[in-house]
Amino acid sequence: MNITFALTTMLGGFILPFFIVMFWDKFVEKLGPIGGWVAAFFIIGTIWRLNHGSNNPLIHQSGKIWIDMAWAAGIGVLSASLVSGDKIMKSISTLLAAVIGGLLGGLILYMF
């Protein structure tokens, strides 16, 4: 992997948790529970398209190991929570959801 691919991969891993932290709560505040679904569609869908679904994706996988965006989201949201002064136990459910989502996504992709 060259330096350009490494930098775009780090950028791709950064933008998902950044957008989650910046905008997800705003969708939920404005629209209630349906706002979470709208945020999932727009935030996750758009960032997935940027990271994986184009001819020139931001994230470049090298080798046989494949890492899902859920890891970036879980670690990024956990880090943002710690930096803002929240307790780590408050973020554990998000981290576990990201791990489970990543594992399920990888399993499903492996099956197909």
Protein backbone atom coordinates (compact mmCIF):
# COMPACT_ATOMS: atom_id res chain seq x y z
CA MET A 1 0.00 0.00 0.00
CA ASN A 2 1.46 3.34 -1.00
CA ILE A 3 1.24 6.55 1.04
CA THR A 4 -1.77 7.90 -0.91
CA PHE A 5 -3.79 4.76 -0.27
CA ALA A 6 -2.77 4.80 3.40
CA LEU A 7 -3.88 8.43 3.82
CA THR A 8 -7.20 7.96 2.03
CA THR A 9 -7.87 4.82 4.09
CA MET A 10 -7.27 6.77 7.31
CA LEU A 11 -9.54 9.57 6.02
CA GLY A 12 -12.25 7.04 5.15
CA GLY A 13 -11.98 5.52 8.62
CA PHE A 14 -12.19 8.96 10.23
CA ILE A 15 -15.19 10.43 8.42
CA LEU A 16 -17.71 7.80 9.50
CA PRO A 17 -17.41 8.32 13.28
CA PHE A 18 -17.03 12.06 12.70
CA PHE A 19 -20.37 12.23 10.89
CA ILE A 20 -22.00 9.94 13.46
CA VAL A 21 -20.88 12.14 16.37
CA MET A 22 -21.74 15.39 14.57
CA PHE A 23 -25.12 14.56 13.03
CA TRP A 24 -26.78 11.38 14.35
CA ASP A 25 -28.16 12.98 17.52
CA LYS A 26 -29.49 15.92 15.52
CA PHE A 27 -31.54 13.57 13.33
CA VAL A 28 -32.94 11.85 16.43
CA GLU A 29 -33.69 15.16 18.18
CA LYS A 30 -35.61 16.49 15.17
CA LEU A 31 -37.39 13.31 14.04
CA GLY A 32 -37.50 11.10 17.12
CA PRO A 33 -36.87 7.37 16.75
CA ILE A 34 -37.38 7.47 12.98
CA GLY A 35 -34.48 9.94 12.92
CA GLY A 36 -32.14 7.10 13.84
CA TRP A 37 -33.24 5.19 10.75
CA VAL A 38 -32.94 8.28 8.58
CA ALA A 39 -29.46 8.95 9.99
CA ALA A 40 -28.46 5.34 9.35
CA PHE A 41 -29.62 5.58 5.76
CA PHE A 42 -28.01 8.91 4.96
CA ILE A 43 -24.86 8.83 7.09
CA ILE A 44 -23.90 5.16 6.85
CA GLY A 45 -25.09 4.80 3.27
CA THR A 46 -23.28 7.87 2.01
CA ILE A 47 -20.03 7.12 3.81
CA TRP A 48 -20.15 3.46 2.72
CA ARG A 49 -20.49 4.68 -0.87
CA LEU A 50 -17.45 6.93 -0.46
CA ASN A 51 -15.38 4.26 1.28
CA HIS A 52 -16.26 1.17 -0.73
CA GLY A 53 -18.81 1.68 -3.47
CA SER A 54 -17.07 3.69 -6.16
CA ASN A 55 -14.38 3.19 -8.77
CA ASN A 56 -11.94 5.18 -6.60
CA PRO A 57 -12.88 4.29 -3.00
CA LEU A 58 -11.31 6.01 -0.02
CA ILE A 59 -10.57 2.75 1.78
CA HIS A 60 -8.12 0.41 0.08
CA GLN A 61 -7.86 -3.08 1.44
CA SER A 62 -4.51 -4.79 1.05
CA GLY A 63 -3.90 -8.41 1.80
CA LYS A 64 -6.40 -11.02 2.90
CA ILE A 65 -7.70 -9.24 6.02
CA TRP A 66 -10.87 -7.24 5.49
CA ILE A 67 -12.05 -4.73 8.11
CA ASP A 68 -15.57 -3.36 8.12
CA MET A 69 -16.51 0.28 8.75
CA ALA A 70 -18.18 -0.76 12.01
CA TRP A 71 -14.75 -0.98 13.66
CA ALA A 72 -13.99 2.61 12.67
CA ALA A 73 -17.40 3.77 13.91
CA GLY A 74 -17.13 1.95 17.23
CA ILE A 75 -13.60 3.06 18.00
CA GLY A 76 -14.24 6.61 16.77
CA VAL A 77 -17.40 7.09 18.82
CA LEU A 78 -15.70 5.56 21.87
CA SER A 79 -12.76 7.95 21.45
CA ALA A 80 -15.08 10.95 21.01
CA SER A 81 -16.94 9.97 24.17
CA LEU A 82 -13.72 9.72 26.16
CA VAL A 83 -12.43 13.04 24.85
CA SER A 84 -15.70 14.78 25.76
CA GLY A 85 -15.39 13.52 29.33
CA ASP A 86 -17.96 10.73 29.28
CA LYS A 87 -17.40 7.51 31.15
CA ILE A 88 -16.18 4.51 29.15
CA MET A 89 -19.07 2.37 30.36
CA LYS A 90 -21.47 4.72 28.58
CA SER A 91 -19.87 3.79 25.23
CA ILE A 92 -19.60 0.04 25.73
CA SER A 93 -23.01 -0.65 24.17
CA THR A 94 -22.03 1.29 21.04
CA LEU A 95 -18.70 -0.51 20.83
CA LEU A 96 -20.38 -3.90 21.24
CA ALA A 97 -22.95 -3.04 18.57
CA ALA A 98 -20.14 -2.04 16.21
CA VAL A 99 -18.24 -5.27 16.88
CA ILE A 100 -21.35 -7.40 16.35
CA GLY A 101 -22.28 -5.49 13.20
CA GLY A 102 -18.79 -5.85 11.81
CA LEU A 103 -18.66 -9.55 12.56
CA LEU A 104 -22.08 -10.16 11.03
CA GLY A 105 -21.22 -8.09 7.97
CA GLY A 106 -17.98 -9.98 7.48
CA LEU A 107 -19.73 -13.33 7.96
CA ILE A 108 -22.44 -12.47 5.46
CA LEU A 109 -19.90 -11.28 2.90
CA TYR A 110 -17.81 -14.39 3.46
CA MET A 111 -20.85 -16.59 2.78
CA PHE A 112 -21.49 -14.95 -0.56
